[in-house]
PDB file of N, CA and C in Angstrom:
ATOM      1  N   MET A   1     131.720 202.952  30.087  1.00  0.00           N
ATOM      2  CA  MET A   1     131.345 202.527  29.031  1.00  0.00           C
ATOM      3  C   MET A   1     131.938 203.491  27.776  1.00  0.00           C
ATOM      4  N   ASP A   2     132.732 202.562  26.910  1.00  0.00           N
ATOM      5  CA  ASP A   2     133.724 203.331  25.825  1.00  0.00           C
ATOM      6  C   ASP A   2     132.548 203.558  24.614  1.00  0.00           C
ATOM      7  N   ALA A   3     133.211 204.497  23.995  1.00  0.00           N
ATOM      8  CA  ALA A   3     132.460 204.927  22.470  1.00  0.00           C
ATOM      9  C   ALA A   3     132.287 203.777  21.865  1.00  0.00           C
ATOM     10  N   ARG A   4     132.729 203.238  21.850  1.00  0.00           N
ATOM     11  CA  ARG A   4     132.988 202.073  20.672  1.00  0.00           C
ATOM     12  C   ARG A   4     131.788 200.888  20.942  1.00  0.00           C
ATOM     13  N   SER A   5     131.222 200.599  22.281  1.00  0.00           N
ATOM     14  CA  SER A   5     130.574 199.415  22.780  1.00  0.00           C
ATOM     15  C   SER A   5     129.007 200.234  22.822  1.00  0.00           C
ATOM     16  N   LEU A   6     129.378 201.481  22.928  1.00  0.00           N
ATOM     17  CA  LEU A   6     128.153 202.599  23.166  1.00  0.00           C
ATOM     18  C   LEU A   6     127.638 202.648  21.978  1.00  0.00           C
ATOM     19  N   GLU A   7     128.303 202.784  20.595  1.00  0.00           N
ATOM     20  CA  GLU A   7     128.250 203.284  19.204  1.00  0.00           C
ATOM     21  C   GLU A   7     127.106 201.894  18.578  1.00  0.00           C
ATOM     22  N   ARG A   8     127.868 200.635  19.486  1.00  0.00           N
ATOM     23  CA  ARG A   8     127.394 199.872  18.666  1.00  0.00           C
ATOM     24  C   ARG A   8     125.816 199.119  19.589  1.00  0.00           C
ATOM     25  N   LEU A   9     125.541 199.692  20.582  1.00  0.00           N
ATOM     26  CA  LEU A   9     124.585 199.581  21.166  1.00  0.00           C
ATOM     27  C   LEU A   9     123.169 200.103  20.833  1.00  0.00           C
ATOM     28  N   ARG A  10     123.873 201.402  20.622  1.00  0.00           N
ATOM     29  CA  ARG A  10     122.883 202.244  19.963  1.00  0.00           C
ATOM     30  C   ARG A  10     122.242 201.984  18.671  1.00  0.00           C
ATOM     31  N   TRP A  11     123.129 200.906  17.812  1.00  0.00           N
ATOM     32  CA  TRP A  11     123.108 200.739  16.772  1.00  0.00           C
ATOM     33  C   TRP A  11     121.998 199.508  16.805  1.00  0.00           C
ATOM     34  N   ARG A  12     122.215 198.761  17.742  1.00  0.00           N
ATOM     35  CA  ARG A  12     121.293 197.450  17.873  1.00  0.00           C
ATOM     36  C   ARG A  12     120.225 198.179  18.839  1.00  0.00           C
ATOM     37  N   SER A  13     119.979 199.430  18.909  1.00  0.00           N
ATOM     38  CA  SER A  13     118.720 199.833  19.231  1.00  0.00           C
ATOM     39  C   SER A  13     117.619 200.209  18.161  1.00  0.00           C
ATOM     40  N   ARG A  14     118.364 200.156  16.820  1.00  0.00           N
ATOM     41  CA  ARG A  14     117.397 200.682  15.736  1.00  0.00           C
ATOM     42  C   ARG A  14     116.329 199.494  15.582  1.00  0.00           C
ATOM     43  N   ARG A  15     115.535 199.964  15.644  1.00  0.00           N
ATOM     44  CA  ARG A  15     114.144 198.041  14.850  1.00  0.00           C
ATOM     45  C   ARG A  15     113.507 198.255  13.723  1.00  0.00           C
ATOM     46  N   GLY A  16     112.820 197.438  13.784  1.00  0.00           N
ATOM     47  CA  GLY A  16     111.866 197.141  12.510  1.00  0.00           C
ATOM     48  C   GLY A  16     110.244 198.021  12.749  1.00  0.00           C
ATOM     49  N   LEU A  17     110.576 198.833  14.184  1.00  0.00           N
ATOM     50  CA  LEU A  17     108.727 199.135  13.778  1.00  0.00           C
ATOM     51  C   LEU A  17     109.209 200.404  14.626  1.00  0.00           C
ATOM     52  N   LEU A  18     108.748 201.880  13.413  1.00  0.00           N
ATOM     53  CA  LEU A  18     108.995 203.482  13.916  1.00  0.00           C
ATOM     54  C   LEU A  18     108.596 203.972  14.745  1.00  0.00           C
ATOM     55  N   GLU A  19     107.517 203.184  15.722  1.00  0.00           N
ATOM     56  CA  GLU A  19     107.317 203.618  17.242  1.00  0.00           C
ATOM     57  C   GLU A  19     108.501 203.492  17.556  1.00  0.00           C
ATOM     58  N   LEU A  20     108.704 202.263  18.031  1.00  0.00           N
ATOM     59  CA  LEU A  20     110.449 201.843  18.187  1.00  0.00           C
ATOM     60  C   LEU A  20     111.169 203.053  18.260  1.00  0.00           C
ATOM     61  N   ASP A  21     111.259 202.980  16.615  1.00  0.00           N
ATOM     62  CA  ASP A  21     113.235 203.942  16.115  1.00  0.00           C
ATOM     63  C   ASP A  21     112.559 205.206  17.254  1.00  0.00           C
ATOM     64  N   ILE A  22     111.396 205.902  17.171  1.00  0.00           N
ATOM     65  CA  ILE A  22     110.612 207.184  17.587  1.00  0.00           C
ATOM     66  C   ILE A  22     111.228 207.218  19.262  1.00  0.00           C
ATOM     67  N   VAL A  23     111.065 206.334  20.316  1.00  0.00           N
ATOM     68  CA  VAL A  23     111.799 206.077  21.457  1.00  0.00           C
ATOM     69  C   VAL A  23     112.796 206.231  21.599  1.00  0.00           C
ATOM     70  N   PHE A  24     113.782 205.066  20.688  1.00  0.00           N
ATOM     71  CA  PHE A  24     114.934 205.035  21.328  1.00  0.00           C
ATOM     72  C   PHE A  24     115.713 206.266  20.422  1.00  0.00           C
ATOM     73  N   GLN A  25     115.224 206.908  19.020  1.00  0.00           N
ATOM     74  CA  GLN A  25     116.253 208.297  19.157  1.00  0.00           C
ATOM     75  C   GLN A  25     115.721 209.080  20.438  1.00  0.00           C
ATOM     76  N   ARG A  26     114.983 209.442  20.798  1.00  0.00           N
ATOM     77  CA  ARG A  26     114.607 210.429  22.339  1.00  0.00           C
ATOM     78  C   ARG A  26     115.490 210.020  23.045  1.00  0.00           C
ATOM     79  N   TYR A  27     115.458 208.346  23.330  1.00  0.00           N
ATOM     80  CA  TYR A  27     116.271 208.040  24.606  1.00  0.00           C
ATOM     81  C   TYR A  27     117.554 208.609  24.332  1.00  0.00           C
ATOM     82  N   TRP A  28     118.477 208.071  23.033  1.00  0.00           N
ATOM     83  CA  TRP A  28     119.317 208.320  22.759  1.00  0.00           C
ATOM     84  C   TRP A  28     119.725 209.740  22.819  1.00  0.00           C
ATOM     85  N   LEU A  29     119.102 210.707  22.328  1.00  0.00           N
ATOM     86  CA  LEU A  29     119.584 212.253  22.578  1.00  0.00           C
ATOM     87  C   LEU A  29     119.246 212.411  24.103  1.00  0.00           C
ATOM     88  N   ALA A  30     118.404 212.213  24.736  1.00  0.00           N
ATOM     89  CA  ALA A  30     118.503 212.510  25.779  1.00  0.00           C
ATOM     90  C   ALA A  30     119.554 211.948  26.969  1.00  0.00           C
ATOM     91  N   THR A  31     119.845 210.652  26.635  1.00  0.00           N
ATOM     92  CA  THR A  31     121.312 209.873  27.387  1.00  0.00           C
ATOM     93  C   THR A  31     122.105 210.389  26.864  1.00  0.00           C
ATOM     94  N   GLY A  32     122.729 210.463  25.424  1.00  0.00           N
ATOM     95  CA  GLY A  32     123.753 210.708  25.053  1.00  0.00           C
ATOM     96  C   GLY A  32     124.952 209.470  25.636  1.00  0.00           C
ATOM     97  N   ALA A  33     126.127 210.253  25.756  1.00  0.00           N
ATOM     98  CA  ALA A  33     127.084 208.825  26.537  1.00  0.00           C
ATOM     99  C   ALA A  33     126.742 209.299  27.752  1.00  0.00           C
ATOM    100  N   SER A  34     126.079 209.368  28.361  1.00  0.00           N
ATOM    101  CA  SER A  34     126.498 209.030  30.029  1.00  0.00           C
ATOM    102  C   SER A  34     125.875 207.945  30.495  1.00  0.00           C
ATOM    103  N   MET A  35     125.301 206.959  29.688  1.00  0.00           N
ATOM    104  CA  MET A  35     125.150 205.780  29.887  1.00  0.00           C
ATOM    105  C   MET A  35     125.654 204.948  30.808  1.00  0.00           C
ATOM    106  N   GLU A  36     125.207 204.638  32.215  1.00  0.00           N
ATOM    107  CA  GLU A  36     126.261 203.595  32.730  1.00  0.00           C
ATOM    108  C   GLU A  36     126.496 202.369  32.706  1.00  0.00           C
ATOM    109  N   GLU A  37     127.515 201.203  32.555  1.00  0.00           N
ATOM    110  CA  GLU A  37     127.498 199.934  32.663  1.00  0.00           C
ATOM    111  C   GLU A  37     125.966 198.786  32.955  1.00  0.00           C
ATOM    112  N   GLY A  38     125.664 199.661  33.974  1.00  0.00           N
ATOM    113  CA  GLY A  38     124.336 198.144  34.498  1.00  0.00           C
ATOM    114  C   GLY A  38     123.064 198.701  33.542  1.00  0.00           C
ATOM    115  N   GLU A  39     122.818 200.098  33.055  1.00  0.00           N
ATOM    116  CA  GLU A  39     122.225 200.457  32.447  1.00  0.00           C
ATOM    117  C   GLU A  39     122.219 200.140  30.592  1.00  0.00           C
ATOM    118  N   ALA A  40     123.294 200.099  30.451  1.00  0.00           N
ATOM    119  CA  ALA A  40     123.636 199.214  29.770  1.00  0.00           C
ATOM    120  C   ALA A  40     123.449 197.686  29.369  1.00  0.00           C
ATOM    121  N   ALA A  41     123.927 197.231  29.887  1.00  0.00           N
ATOM    122  CA  ALA A  41     123.260 196.182  30.122  1.00  0.00           C
ATOM    123  C   ALA A  41     122.022 195.319  30.026  1.00  0.00           C
ATOM    124  N   THR A  42     121.371 195.948  31.371  1.00  0.00           N
ATOM    125  CA  THR A  42     119.746 196.137  30.908  1.00  0.00           C
ATOM    126  C   THR A  42     119.102 196.495  29.454  1.00  0.00           C
ATOM    127  N   LEU A  43     119.506 196.906  28.975  1.00  0.00           N
ATOM    128  CA  LEU A  43     119.899 197.797  27.150  1.00  0.00           C
ATOM    129  C   LEU A  43     119.624 196.283  26.156  1.00  0.00           C
ATOM    130  N   GLU A  44     120.533 195.690  26.866  1.00  0.00           N
ATOM    131  CA  GLU A  44     120.993 194.698  25.852  1.00  0.00           C
ATOM    132  C   GLU A  44     119.773 193.785  25.497  1.00  0.00           C
ATOM    133  N   ARG A  45     119.511 193.412  27.818  1.00  0.00           N
ATOM    134  CA  ARG A  45     118.897 192.668  27.189  1.00  0.00           C
ATOM    135  C   ARG A  45     117.193 192.853  26.680  1.00  0.00           C
ATOM    136  N   LEU A  46     117.167 194.473  27.006  1.00  0.00           N
ATOM    137  CA  LEU A  46     115.805 194.464  26.287  1.00  0.00           C
ATOM    138  C   LEU A  46     116.026 194.260  24.791  1.00  0.00           C
ATOM    139  N   LEU A  47     116.902 194.846  23.959  1.00  0.00           N
ATOM    140  CA  LEU A  47     117.224 194.638  23.157  1.00  0.00           C
ATOM    141  C   LEU A  47     116.686 193.725  22.369  1.00  0.00           C
ATOM    142  N   ALA A  48     117.623 192.340  23.149  1.00  0.00           N
ATOM    143  CA  ALA A  48     116.877 190.577  22.618  1.00  0.00           C
ATOM    144  C   ALA A  48     115.712 190.479  22.326  1.00  0.00           C
ATOM    145  N   LEU A  49     114.606 191.150  22.879  1.00  0.00           N
ATOM    146  CA  LEU A  49     113.172 191.223  23.226  1.00  0.00           C
ATOM    147  C   LEU A  49     112.616 191.477  21.423  1.00  0.00           C
ATOM    148  N   PRO A  50     111.967 190.330  20.973  1.00  0.00           N
ATOM    149  CA  PRO A  50     111.183 190.312  19.455  1.00  0.00           C
ATOM    150  C   PRO A  50     110.413 192.062  19.897  1.00  0.00           C
ATOM    151  N   ASP A  51     110.384 192.801  18.187  1.00  0.00           N
ATOM    152  CA  ASP A  51     110.420 193.671  18.570  1.00  0.00           C
ATOM    153  C   ASP A  51     109.028 194.471  19.215  1.00  0.00           C
ATOM    154  N   ASN A  52     107.408 193.308  18.781  1.00  0.00           N
ATOM    155  CA  ASN A  52     106.145 193.629  19.140  1.00  0.00           C
ATOM    156  C   ASN A  52     106.332 193.397  21.247  1.00  0.00           C
ATOM    157  N   ASP A  53     106.888 192.487  21.830  1.00  0.00           N
ATOM    158  CA  ASP A  53     106.903 192.135  22.753  1.00  0.00           C
ATOM    159  C   ASP A  53     107.750 193.789  23.407  1.00  0.00           C
ATOM    160  N   LEU A  54     108.777 194.076  23.336  1.00  0.00           N
ATOM    161  CA  LEU A  54     109.486 195.320  23.596  1.00  0.00           C
ATOM    162  C   LEU A  54     108.423 196.779  23.205  1.00  0.00           C
ATOM    163  N   LEU A  55     107.756 196.502  22.325  1.00  0.00           N
ATOM    164  CA  LEU A  55     106.894 197.794  22.159  1.00  0.00           C
ATOM    165  C   LEU A  55     105.528 197.374  22.994  1.00  0.00           C
ATOM    166  N   ASP A  56     105.234 196.292  23.670  1.00  0.00           N
ATOM    167  CA  ASP A  56     104.272 196.093  24.741  1.00  0.00           C
ATOM    168  C   ASP A  56     104.858 196.301  25.660  1.00  0.00           C
ATOM    169  N   LEU A  57     106.292 196.298  26.223  1.00  0.00           N
ATOM    170  CA  LEU A  57     106.995 196.687  27.347  1.00  0.00           C
ATOM    171  C   LEU A  57     106.208 198.626  27.390  1.00  0.00           C
ATOM    172  N   VAL A  58     107.339 199.038  26.044  1.00  0.00           N
ATOM    173  CA  VAL A  58     107.297 200.713  26.191  1.00  0.00           C
ATOM    174  C   VAL A  58     104.947 201.100  26.846  1.00  0.00           C
ATOM    175  N   MET A  59     105.016 200.359  25.901  1.00  0.00           N
ATOM    176  CA  MET A  59     103.769 200.738  26.000  1.00  0.00           C
ATOM    177  C   MET A  59     102.360 200.681  27.542  1.00  0.00           C
ATOM    178  N   GLY A  60     102.934 199.914  27.690  1.00  0.00           N
ATOM    179  CA  GLY A  60     102.324 199.992  29.347  1.00  0.00           C
ATOM    180  C   GLY A  60     101.336 198.511  28.957  1.00  0.00           C
ATOM    181  N   ARG A  61     101.631 198.068  27.902  1.00  0.00           N
ATOM    182  CA  ARG A  61     100.717 196.387  28.041  1.00  0.00           C
ATOM    183  C   ARG A  61     101.237 195.709  28.280  1.00  0.00           C
ATOM    184  N   ALA A  62     102.203 195.109  28.602  1.00  0.00           N
ATOM    185  CA  ALA A  62     103.168 194.316  29.215  1.00  0.00           C
ATOM    186  C   ALA A  62     103.668 194.738  30.759  1.00  0.00           C
ATOM    187  N   ARG A  63     104.296 194.325  31.999  1.00  0.00           N
ATOM    188  CA  ARG A  63     105.464 194.158  32.389  1.00  0.00           C
ATOM    189  C   ARG A  63     106.716 193.916  32.441  1.00  0.00           C
ATOM    190  N   ALA A  64     107.815 194.471  32.762  1.00  0.00           N
ATOM    191  CA  ALA A  64     108.794 194.414  32.725  1.00  0.00           C
ATOM    192  C   ALA A  64     108.992 193.052  33.343  1.00  0.00           C
ATOM    193  N   PRO A  65     109.870 191.823  33.021  1.00  0.00           N
ATOM    194  CA  PRO A  65     110.549 190.801  33.787  1.00  0.00           C
ATOM    195  C   PRO A  65     111.658 191.942  35.264  1.00  0.00           C
ATOM    196  N   ASP A  66     112.017 192.944  35.343  1.00  0.00           N
ATOM    197  CA  ASP A  66     112.861 192.600  36.736  1.00  0.00           C
ATOM    198  C   ASP A  66     113.008 194.060  37.135  1.00  0.00           C
ATOM    199  N   PRO A  67     113.294 194.589  37.923  1.00  0.00           N
ATOM    200  CA  PRO A  67     113.467 195.879  38.318  1.00  0.00           C
ATOM    201  C   PRO A  67     113.875 197.105  37.582  1.00  0.00           C
ATOM    202  N   ALA A  68     115.585 196.341  36.965  1.00  0.00           N
ATOM    203  CA  ALA A  68     116.672 196.792  36.520  1.00  0.00           C
ATOM    204  C   ALA A  68     115.583 197.324  34.883  1.00  0.00           C
ATOM    205  N   SER A  69     114.722 196.402  34.530  1.00  0.00           N
ATOM    206  CA  SER A  69     114.215 197.394  33.010  1.00  0.00           C
ATOM    207  C   SER A  69     113.178 197.686  33.703  1.00  0.00           C
ATOM    208  N   ALA A  70     112.530 197.668  34.449  1.00  0.00           N
ATOM    209  CA  ALA A  70     111.356 198.238  34.676  1.00  0.00           C
ATOM    210  C   ALA A  70     112.061 199.964  34.111  1.00  0.00           C
ATOM    211  N   ALA A  71     112.945 200.037  35.248  1.00  0.00           N
ATOM    212  CA  ALA A  71     113.014 201.383  35.073  1.00  0.00           C
ATOM    213  C   ALA A  71     113.787 201.704  33.808  1.00  0.00           C
ATOM    214  N   LEU A  72     114.481 200.804  33.128  1.00  0.00           N
ATOM    215  CA  LEU A  72     114.640 201.428  32.194  1.00  0.00           C
ATOM    216  C   LEU A  72     113.656 201.703  30.910  1.00  0.00           C
ATOM    217  N   VAL A  73     112.794 200.903  30.928  1.00  0.00           N
ATOM    218  CA  VAL A  73     111.385 201.216  30.523  1.00  0.00           C
ATOM    219  C   VAL A  73     110.591 202.636  31.024  1.00  0.00           C
ATOM    220  N   GLU A  74     110.649 202.806  32.153  1.00  0.00           N
ATOM    221  CA  GLU A  74     110.258 204.439  32.164  1.00  0.00           C
ATOM    222  C   GLU A  74     110.770 205.722  31.841  1.00  0.00           C
ATOM    223  N   LYS A  75     112.337 205.096  31.487  1.00  0.00           N
ATOM    224  CA  LYS A  75     113.093 206.092  31.395  1.00  0.00           C
ATOM    225  C   LYS A  75     112.783 206.105  29.307  1.00  0.00           C
ATOM    226  N   LEU A  76     112.644 205.550  29.039  1.00  0.00           N
ATOM    227  CA  LEU A  76     112.092 204.836  27.838  1.00  0.00           C
ATOM    228  C   LEU A  76     111.111 205.688  27.992  1.00  0.00           C
ATOM    229  N   LYS A  77     110.162 205.806  27.670  1.00  0.00           N
ATOM    230  CA  LYS A  77     108.850 206.098  27.813  1.00  0.00           C
ATOM    231  C   LYS A  77     108.276 207.540  28.050  1.00  0.00           C
ATOM    232  N   ALA A  78     109.779 208.227  29.176  1.00  0.00           N
ATOM    233  CA  ALA A  78     109.772 209.766  29.696  1.00  0.00           C
ATOM    234  C   ALA A  78     110.812 210.656  28.379  1.00  0.00           C
ATOM    235  N   ALA A  79     111.426 209.642  28.164  1.00  0.00           N
ATOM    236  CA  ALA A  79     112.654 210.261  26.520  1.00  0.00           C
ATOM    237  C   ALA A  79     111.251 211.028  25.952  1.00  0.00           C
TER     238      ALA A  79
END
């Protein structure tokens, strides 16, 4: 993934909820520039969700819609 696309995705991960901003800051520090295309596509799908729905996924109050999203949510939680 090129640096420009990665930076755009990082910018889009800035959310309106402080809790999500903290989760994504930790994720970006842990992941850095090593994100693969598939993971980037999954992250884009998750970022299309409303903030509260995304927070429910990260907090474990809702289930991820597919296995790729579930794996990424676990990475978000672990970061």
